[in-house]
Amino acid sequence: MKRTYNWLFKVVRGGVPRDRRVLEPELARELQASYNNAAKMNSPMPRTLQVRLVVNNEECLIEIYPKKPDDLPAIGNSDLYFCVKHFEDDMDDESRAGGTEEKAAEHIVQELTFEPSAPSATKKDLFDFLIHPAKEKILNALAEGFAGYSARRTWAQKHYCSIPKILELPQPAIPAFIFAGPPGTGKTAMASCIGVAIAAKLSRPVTFLRVGMSLRGTGLQGKTSEIVHGLFRNVKKLFTGKMVLLFFDEADAFVPSRQQMDHSSGSHENLAIVNAIIKEMDDIRSQPGCQIVVLFATNALPRLDAAVVRRCKVFHFTTPTPKEHKTVLEAALAGFGFQDEEIAGLHGDLLAREQSVPNWAFSFSDIIEGVILPAIDEARLENRPLSSQILQKCIREAKPMVRRDVIPSYIK
């Protein structure tokens, strides 16, 4: 009569597939190989065996051992191939979720809460200062992302006293957006301060959470994907009923194109991260009380995964137009006592400097960080007021840092 052996398995690193039954034949095969090897070497079978597996594109390191310490089949047992009959997970779902959520919290590198009744003056000034031809459209789109399906139902109830059937269907739109454009064009700045405007518009607090690059580079795609799931799970649990703007800067590091991946271990990790983020994005609308808007920023839109881009509304950021150069100067030099004629002269100097460097353009940050702030520092160090002469000197020394050929033709 063949004996049935019961085994425990415990995930040491990585994640477990949602359907854990797919593990059983893999673990059984590893156990059988280990027993065969022990029999061949005439050595005792270790009581704990570590197995590294890739299941459903997720790598995990698993410990397996008998449920009863003495319940090990003897080496040479003719029933070895049939000995593995049942596996039990030695870690319950609550323990696993808690662990991954604790790890996930470590990857939130910035948390800001914008209160409509007490807005941050610094962030409000920054939002007012930023220049984008579609700034109001961006604000309305993100605010609508929070309002979402419930706003449509409220509107229908008000005007039709009922909910039309189309609004009873699952919400197709995912509240996700991409800010795309060359470096220095205001993507990260807009993301970090737009919460203050959303809070004012909707009269509700908005929490801004920035995900750090530490989420990448864990080395095990199973572990990384489980941390991604834990990140979203943690945000949903801690901020139920609250509006959260979840920001992924340098998005091409988080959601790179799967079609451009090779077969390296790093690509396996990338694949797991992309799959996990897409899964969580798709689940956002299905969570009761979940009000998360996902925001990506990237300098390399073509390198993002097509499935992610398809799920997002894309807003393009580019270098300032000649007219916007003047607007930046006017805003940046407000309060320094410059006359309109002086601003106009500086504007002409700035355009001339940009044109003197073919195929390169000034970004917004190039003007602020390469001209205005150095001029202020020079005046401060010389202990004298800021003057047109100092600004002109800094303009001559400034270098446009955006290549025009990296600006897509459709947003030039």
Protein backbone atom coordinates (compact mmCIF):
# COMPACT_ATOMS: atom_id res chain seq x y z
CA MET A 1 0.00 0.00 0.00
CA LYS A 2 1.44 3.33 -0.99
CA ARG A 3 1.92 5.89 1.73
CA THR A 4 0.88 9.55 1.42
CA TYR A 5 3.29 12.19 2.69
CA ASN A 6 2.19 15.70 3.60
CA TRP A 7 4.55 18.60 3.11
CA LEU A 8 4.71 22.25 4.08
CA PHE A 9 6.14 24.91 1.83
CA LYS A 10 7.13 28.42 2.84
CA VAL A 11 8.07 31.27 0.53
CA VAL A 12 11.42 32.67 1.59
CA ARG A 13 11.75 35.23 -1.19
CA GLY A 14 9.43 36.14 -4.00
CA GLY A 15 5.72 35.67 -4.54
CA VAL A 16 3.31 32.79 -4.81
CA PRO A 17 1.05 32.41 -7.87
CA ARG A 18 -2.58 33.16 -7.19
CA ASP A 19 -3.44 29.56 -8.11
CA ARG A 20 -1.01 27.78 -5.80
CA ARG A 21 -1.87 24.38 -7.21
CA VAL A 22 0.49 25.07 -10.09
CA LEU A 23 3.32 24.77 -7.56
CA GLU A 24 2.59 21.19 -6.57
CA PRO A 25 3.97 19.37 -9.63
CA GLU A 26 7.02 21.64 -9.62
CA LEU A 27 7.74 21.02 -5.94
CA ALA A 28 7.10 17.31 -6.34
CA ARG A 29 9.58 17.15 -9.21
CA GLU A 30 12.22 18.97 -7.17
CA LEU A 31 11.67 16.69 -4.18
CA GLN A 32 11.92 13.61 -6.36
CA ALA A 33 15.17 14.84 -7.92
CA SER A 34 16.60 15.57 -4.49
CA TYR A 35 15.72 12.09 -3.21
CA ASN A 36 17.16 10.46 -6.32
CA ASN A 37 20.38 12.39 -5.86
CA ALA A 38 20.58 11.46 -2.16
CA ALA A 39 20.05 7.78 -3.00
CA LYS A 40 22.73 7.89 -5.68
CA MET A 41 25.24 9.50 -3.29
CA ASN A 42 24.12 7.24 -0.43
CA SER A 43 23.67 10.34 1.74
CA PRO A 44 20.81 11.36 4.03
CA MET A 45 18.04 13.49 2.63
CA PRO A 46 18.07 17.03 4.13
CA ARG A 47 15.05 17.73 6.27
CA THR A 48 14.61 21.13 4.63
CA LEU A 49 15.01 21.68 0.92
CA GLN A 50 15.27 25.08 -0.78
CA VAL A 51 13.84 25.27 -4.28
CA ARG A 52 14.13 28.16 -6.73
CA LEU A 53 11.31 28.13 -9.25
CA VAL A 54 9.94 30.32 -12.00
CA VAL A 55 6.18 29.87 -12.18
CA ASN A 56 3.97 32.07 -14.36
CA ASN A 57 6.96 34.36 -14.97
CA GLU A 58 7.46 34.86 -11.23
CA GLU A 59 10.61 33.61 -9.53
CA CYS A 60 10.39 32.46 -5.94
CA LEU A 61 12.64 30.76 -3.40
CA ILE A 62 10.69 28.15 -1.45
CA GLU A 63 11.52 25.97 1.52
CA ILE A 64 9.78 22.56 1.66
CA TYR A 65 9.83 20.14 4.55
CA PRO A 66 7.64 17.35 5.96
CA LYS A 67 4.64 18.37 8.02
CA LYS A 68 5.75 15.88 10.68
CA PRO A 69 9.49 16.10 11.45
CA ASP A 70 9.98 12.34 11.32
CA ASP A 71 7.77 11.83 8.29
CA LEU A 72 10.51 11.27 5.70
CA PRO A 73 10.44 8.30 3.32
CA ALA A 74 13.47 6.08 3.47
CA ILE A 75 16.04 6.40 0.74
CA GLY A 76 15.40 3.74 -1.84
CA ASN A 77 11.68 3.59 -1.16
CA SER A 78 10.06 2.25 -4.32
CA ASP A 79 7.12 4.60 -3.78
CA LEU A 80 9.24 7.75 -4.00
CA TYR A 81 7.68 9.01 -7.21
CA PHE A 82 4.27 8.86 -5.57
CA CYS A 83 5.28 10.15 -2.15
CA VAL A 84 4.44 13.81 -2.70
CA LYS A 85 0.69 14.02 -2.41
CA HIS A 86 -0.16 17.24 -0.63
CA PHE A 87 1.38 20.64 0.05
CA GLU A 88 0.23 23.22 2.55
CA ASP A 89 1.32 26.84 2.65
CA ASP A 90 3.08 27.56 5.96
CA MET A 91 2.33 31.28 5.73
CA ASP A 92 -1.24 32.58 5.81
CA ASP A 93 -2.48 35.35 3.54
CA GLU A 94 -2.61 37.91 6.35
CA SER A 95 1.03 37.35 7.28
CA ARG A 96 2.14 37.57 3.66
CA ALA A 97 0.12 40.71 3.00
CA GLY A 98 1.48 42.38 6.12
CA GLY A 99 5.05 41.63 5.14
CA THR A 100 4.75 42.92 1.60
CA GLU A 101 2.82 45.99 2.70
CA GLU A 102 5.53 46.81 5.23
CA LYS A 103 8.16 46.45 2.49
CA ALA A 104 5.99 48.45 0.07
CA ALA A 105 5.75 51.37 2.51
CA GLU A 106 9.53 51.72 2.34
CA HIS A 107 9.26 52.66 -1.33
CA ILE A 108 7.08 55.75 -0.78
CA VAL A 109 9.73 58.46 -0.73
CA GLN A 110 7.47 61.50 -0.50
CA GLU A 111 4.05 62.04 1.04
CA LEU A 112 2.23 65.36 0.96
CA THR A 113 -1.36 66.13 1.93
CA PHE A 114 -3.01 69.17 0.39
CA GLU A 115 -5.85 70.58 2.48
CA PRO A 116 -8.36 72.81 0.68
CA SER A 117 -8.84 74.92 3.81
CA ALA A 118 -5.10 75.46 4.34
CA PRO A 119 -3.31 75.18 1.00
CA SER A 120 0.48 75.10 0.86
CA ALA A 121 1.54 78.60 -0.22
CA THR A 122 4.75 77.23 -1.75
CA LYS A 123 2.99 74.61 -3.85
CA LYS A 124 0.23 77.02 -4.85
CA ASP A 125 2.80 79.59 -5.98
CA LEU A 126 4.63 76.88 -7.93
CA PHE A 127 1.44 75.75 -9.65
CA ASP A 128 0.55 79.34 -10.54
CA PHE A 129 4.09 79.90 -11.83
CA LEU A 130 4.17 76.84 -14.11
CA ILE A 131 3.44 77.47 -17.77
CA HIS A 132 1.63 74.94 -19.91
CA PRO A 133 -0.90 75.72 -22.64
CA ALA A 134 -3.19 72.97 -21.34
CA LYS A 135 -2.68 73.51 -17.59
CA GLU A 136 -6.38 74.01 -16.92
CA LYS A 137 -7.22 70.98 -19.05
CA ILE A 138 -4.72 68.87 -17.09
CA LEU A 139 -6.23 70.05 -13.81
CA ASN A 140 -9.77 69.25 -14.94
CA ALA A 141 -8.75 65.81 -16.24
CA LEU A 142 -7.07 64.77 -12.97
CA ALA A 143 -9.95 66.14 -10.92
CA GLU A 144 -12.38 64.16 -13.09
CA GLY A 145 -10.16 61.11 -12.55
CA PHE A 146 -10.97 61.35 -8.85
CA ALA A 147 -14.65 62.08 -9.39
CA GLY A 148 -14.92 59.33 -11.98
CA TYR A 149 -17.88 57.02 -12.21
CA SER A 150 -19.72 58.31 -9.14
CA ALA A 151 -19.84 61.81 -10.66
CA ARG A 152 -21.52 60.48 -13.80
CA ARG A 153 -24.08 58.61 -11.73
CA THR A 154 -24.77 61.70 -9.62
CA TRP A 155 -25.23 63.78 -12.76
CA ALA A 156 -27.62 61.21 -14.27
CA GLN A 157 -29.65 60.96 -11.07
CA LYS A 158 -30.00 64.73 -10.94
CA HIS A 159 -31.12 65.22 -14.53
CA TYR A 160 -32.94 61.94 -15.27
CA CYS A 161 -33.97 60.73 -11.79
CA SER A 162 -32.49 57.33 -12.65
CA ILE A 163 -29.23 55.68 -13.70
CA PRO A 164 -29.13 54.76 -17.43
CA LYS A 165 -27.96 51.22 -18.10
CA ILE A 166 -24.70 52.32 -19.73
CA LEU A 167 -23.65 53.85 -16.41
CA GLU A 168 -24.34 50.58 -14.62
CA LEU A 169 -21.67 48.85 -16.69
CA PRO A 170 -18.10 48.48 -15.38
CA GLN A 171 -16.18 51.72 -15.71
CA PRO A 172 -13.95 51.45 -18.81
CA ALA A 173 -11.75 54.44 -18.11
CA ILE A 174 -8.84 53.98 -15.74
CA PRO A 175 -7.84 57.11 -13.80
CA ALA A 176 -4.26 57.15 -15.08
CA PHE A 177 -2.21 59.83 -16.80
CA ILE A 178 1.23 60.31 -18.35
CA PHE A 179 3.22 63.54 -18.40
CA ALA A 180 5.64 63.09 -21.32
CA GLY A 181 8.35 65.36 -22.66
CA PRO A 182 12.04 66.30 -22.58
CA PRO A 183 13.87 66.99 -19.30
CA GLY A 184 13.25 70.34 -17.65
CA THR A 185 9.83 70.95 -19.18
CA GLY A 186 7.89 70.91 -15.89
CA LYS A 187 6.54 67.36 -15.66
CA THR A 188 7.74 66.56 -12.15
CA ALA A 189 7.06 70.06 -10.90
CA MET A 190 3.49 69.89 -12.21
CA ALA A 191 2.95 66.46 -10.64
CA SER A 192 4.26 67.58 -7.25
CA CYS A 193 2.06 70.66 -6.93
CA ILE A 194 -1.13 69.98 -8.90
CA GLY A 195 -2.63 68.37 -5.80
CA VAL A 196 -3.06 71.81 -4.23
CA ALA A 197 -5.23 72.89 -7.18
CA ILE A 198 -7.24 69.63 -7.21
CA ALA A 199 -7.95 69.97 -3.49
CA ALA A 200 -9.17 73.53 -4.01
CA LYS A 201 -11.29 72.55 -7.01
CA LEU A 202 -12.98 69.57 -5.33
CA SER A 203 -12.95 71.00 -1.77
CA ARG A 204 -11.42 67.79 -0.46
CA PRO A 205 -7.92 66.85 0.74
CA VAL A 206 -5.56 65.21 -1.76
CA THR A 207 -2.59 63.07 -0.72
CA PHE A 208 0.42 62.96 -3.04
CA LEU A 209 2.55 59.79 -2.83
CA ARG A 210 5.76 59.52 -4.81
CA VAL A 211 7.11 56.02 -5.47
CA GLY A 212 10.89 55.75 -5.21
CA MET A 213 13.28 54.09 -7.60
CA SER A 214 14.18 51.66 -4.81
CA LEU A 215 11.19 49.63 -5.96
CA ARG A 216 13.41 48.58 -8.83
CA GLY A 217 16.48 46.41 -8.51
CA THR A 218 15.34 43.86 -5.94
CA GLY A 219 16.75 41.10 -8.15
CA LEU A 220 13.82 38.70 -7.82
CA GLN A 221 10.84 39.39 -10.00
CA GLY A 222 8.47 37.43 -7.76
CA LYS A 223 9.46 39.56 -4.81
CA THR A 224 9.22 42.80 -6.74
CA SER A 225 5.78 42.06 -8.18
CA GLU A 226 4.48 41.12 -4.75
CA ILE A 227 5.82 44.40 -3.36
CA VAL A 228 4.02 46.27 -6.17
CA HIS A 229 0.78 44.49 -5.23
CA GLY A 230 1.52 45.26 -1.57
CA LEU A 231 2.11 48.92 -2.42
CA PHE A 232 -1.33 49.32 -4.00
CA ARG A 233 -2.95 47.17 -1.30
CA ASN A 234 -1.39 49.32 1.40
CA VAL A 235 -2.51 52.57 -0.24
CA LYS A 236 -6.07 51.27 -0.64
CA LYS A 237 -6.18 50.18 3.01
CA LEU A 238 -4.64 53.30 4.54
CA PHE A 239 -6.44 55.82 2.34
CA THR A 240 -9.90 54.27 1.91
CA GLY A 241 -12.34 56.99 0.94
CA LYS A 242 -9.52 59.51 0.43
CA MET A 243 -8.10 60.95 -2.78
CA VAL A 244 -4.57 59.77 -3.54
CA LEU A 245 -2.30 60.83 -6.39
CA LEU A 246 0.21 57.98 -6.83
CA PHE A 247 3.21 59.25 -8.78
CA PHE A 248 5.81 57.22 -10.68
CA ASP A 249 8.60 59.51 -11.90
CA GLU A 250 10.97 58.21 -14.61
CA ALA A 251 8.19 55.88 -15.69
CA ASP A 252 10.34 54.09 -18.27
CA ALA A 253 12.14 52.47 -15.30
CA PHE A 254 8.86 51.13 -13.89
CA VAL A 255 6.82 50.23 -16.97
CA PRO A 256 9.28 49.69 -19.86
CA SER A 257 8.04 48.16 -23.09
CA ARG A 258 7.76 44.38 -22.77
CA GLN A 259 8.35 44.04 -26.52
CA GLN A 260 11.82 45.57 -26.12
CA MET A 261 12.91 43.24 -23.31
CA ASP A 262 15.56 40.56 -23.70
CA HIS A 263 15.93 37.37 -21.66
CA SER A 264 18.17 38.73 -18.90
CA SER A 265 17.28 38.49 -15.23
CA GLY A 266 16.70 42.25 -15.19
CA SER A 267 14.16 41.89 -17.96
CA HIS A 268 12.38 39.19 -15.96
CA GLU A 269 12.08 41.64 -13.10
CA ASN A 270 10.84 44.38 -15.47
CA LEU A 271 8.23 42.03 -16.85
CA ALA A 272 6.95 41.21 -13.38
CA ILE A 273 6.74 44.91 -12.42
CA VAL A 274 4.89 45.88 -15.61
CA ASN A 275 2.43 43.00 -15.25
CA ALA A 276 1.80 43.86 -11.60
CA ILE A 277 1.25 47.58 -12.25
CA ILE A 278 -1.13 46.88 -15.15
CA LYS A 279 -3.09 44.43 -12.99
CA GLU A 280 -3.40 46.98 -10.19
CA MET A 281 -4.39 49.75 -12.60
CA ASP A 282 -7.17 47.56 -13.97
CA ASP A 283 -8.40 46.79 -10.46
CA ILE A 284 -8.61 50.39 -9.26
CA ARG A 285 -12.20 50.99 -10.33
CA SER A 286 -13.37 47.68 -8.86
CA GLN A 287 -12.35 48.63 -5.30
CA PRO A 288 -15.13 50.15 -3.16
CA GLY A 289 -14.11 53.55 -1.88
CA CYS A 290 -10.90 53.50 -3.87
CA GLN A 291 -9.98 56.95 -5.18
CA ILE A 292 -6.50 56.56 -6.60
CA VAL A 293 -5.23 58.44 -9.63
CA VAL A 294 -2.02 56.99 -11.08
CA LEU A 295 0.38 59.47 -12.65
CA PHE A 296 3.52 58.69 -14.64
CA ALA A 297 6.20 61.10 -15.87
CA THR A 298 8.72 60.17 -18.55
CA ASN A 299 11.32 61.63 -20.88
CA ALA A 300 10.98 58.60 -23.17
CA LEU A 301 7.35 57.90 -24.05
CA PRO A 302 8.22 55.45 -26.89
CA ARG A 303 10.00 53.22 -24.37
CA LEU A 304 6.91 52.78 -22.21
CA ASP A 305 4.85 49.62 -22.46
CA ALA A 306 2.09 49.99 -25.03
CA ALA A 307 -0.54 48.47 -22.73
CA VAL A 308 0.25 51.07 -20.05
CA VAL A 309 0.15 53.97 -22.52
CA ARG A 310 -3.16 52.71 -23.90
CA ARG A 311 -4.67 52.87 -20.43
CA CYS A 312 -3.53 56.45 -19.81
CA LYS A 313 -4.39 59.93 -20.95
CA VAL A 314 -1.14 61.45 -22.22
CA PHE A 315 -0.26 65.12 -21.75
CA HIS A 316 2.80 66.36 -23.64
CA PHE A 317 5.27 68.85 -22.20
CA THR A 318 7.75 70.68 -24.39
CA THR A 319 10.18 73.58 -24.42
CA PRO A 320 8.76 77.12 -24.15
CA THR A 321 7.78 79.04 -27.26
CA PRO A 322 9.36 82.49 -27.87
CA LYS A 323 6.28 84.09 -26.29
CA GLU A 324 6.54 81.79 -23.27
CA HIS A 325 10.22 82.77 -22.85
CA LYS A 326 9.00 86.27 -22.08
CA THR A 327 6.27 84.99 -19.76
CA VAL A 328 8.87 83.03 -17.78
CA LEU A 329 11.09 86.11 -17.47
CA GLU A 330 8.16 88.28 -16.36
CA ALA A 331 7.07 85.77 -13.72
CA ALA A 332 10.59 85.02 -12.46
CA LEU A 333 11.65 88.67 -12.23
CA ALA A 334 8.44 89.94 -10.63
CA GLY A 335 9.28 91.97 -7.52
CA PHE A 336 12.77 92.95 -8.65
CA GLY A 337 11.68 96.31 -10.09
CA PHE A 338 12.41 95.69 -13.78
CA GLN A 339 10.59 97.82 -16.33
CA ASP A 340 8.77 96.37 -19.34
CA GLU A 341 11.50 97.68 -21.66
CA GLU A 342 14.18 95.86 -19.67
CA ILE A 343 12.20 92.60 -19.75
CA ALA A 344 11.77 92.99 -23.50
CA GLY A 345 15.52 93.50 -23.92
CA LEU A 346 16.34 90.44 -21.84
CA HIS A 347 13.81 88.45 -23.84
CA GLY A 348 15.59 89.40 -27.06
CA ASP A 349 18.95 88.41 -25.53
CA LEU A 350 17.56 85.03 -24.48
CA LEU A 351 16.17 84.26 -27.93
CA ALA A 352 19.42 85.32 -29.57
CA ARG A 353 21.42 83.05 -27.25
CA GLU A 354 19.15 80.09 -28.02
CA GLN A 355 19.44 80.68 -31.77
CA SER A 356 23.23 80.83 -31.50
CA VAL A 357 23.28 77.14 -30.53
CA PRO A 358 21.74 75.27 -33.48
CA ASN A 359 19.45 72.30 -32.76
CA TRP A 360 19.27 73.08 -29.04
CA ALA A 361 16.49 74.75 -27.04
CA PHE A 362 16.06 76.23 -23.59
CA SER A 363 13.72 74.34 -21.28
CA PHE A 364 11.83 76.08 -18.49
CA SER A 365 14.34 74.83 -15.94
CA ASP A 366 17.24 75.97 -18.15
CA ILE A 367 15.93 79.52 -17.90
CA ILE A 368 15.26 79.40 -14.16
CA GLU A 369 18.25 77.34 -13.02
CA GLY A 370 20.68 78.43 -15.74
CA VAL A 371 19.92 82.16 -15.90
CA ILE A 372 17.69 83.60 -13.16
CA LEU A 373 19.05 81.83 -10.07
CA PRO A 374 22.75 82.23 -11.03
CA ALA A 375 22.12 85.93 -11.64
CA ILE A 376 20.49 86.29 -8.22
CA ASP A 377 23.39 84.48 -6.58
CA GLU A 378 25.95 86.69 -8.33
CA ALA A 379 24.14 89.84 -7.19
CA ARG A 380 23.91 88.45 -3.67
CA LEU A 381 27.62 87.59 -3.50
CA GLU A 382 28.49 91.08 -4.79
CA ASN A 383 26.02 92.54 -2.29
CA ARG A 384 24.18 94.64 -4.84
CA PRO A 385 20.73 94.64 -6.47
CA LEU A 386 19.98 92.38 -9.38
CA SER A 387 20.57 94.25 -12.65
CA SER A 388 20.04 93.77 -16.37
CA GLN A 389 23.83 93.62 -16.81
CA ILE A 390 24.15 90.62 -14.48
CA LEU A 391 21.23 88.87 -16.20
CA GLN A 392 22.69 89.54 -19.65
CA LYS A 393 26.00 88.05 -18.54
CA CYS A 394 24.23 84.91 -17.27
CA ILE A 395 22.23 84.65 -20.51
CA ARG A 396 25.45 84.70 -22.54
CA GLU A 397 26.88 81.90 -20.39
CA ALA A 398 23.71 79.79 -20.33
CA LYS A 399 23.52 76.58 -22.37
CA PRO A 400 20.30 75.28 -23.89
CA MET A 401 20.07 71.66 -22.75
CA VAL A 402 17.25 70.15 -24.85
CA ARG A 403 18.02 68.75 -28.27
CA ARG A 404 15.31 69.73 -30.71
CA ASP A 405 15.42 66.33 -32.38
CA VAL A 406 14.15 64.67 -29.17
CA ILE A 407 10.98 66.77 -29.28
CA PRO A 408 8.32 64.78 -31.19
CA SER A 409 7.13 66.61 -34.29
CA TYR A 410 3.51 66.45 -33.18
CA ILE A 411 4.20 68.70 -30.17
CA LYS A 412 6.71 71.11 -31.71
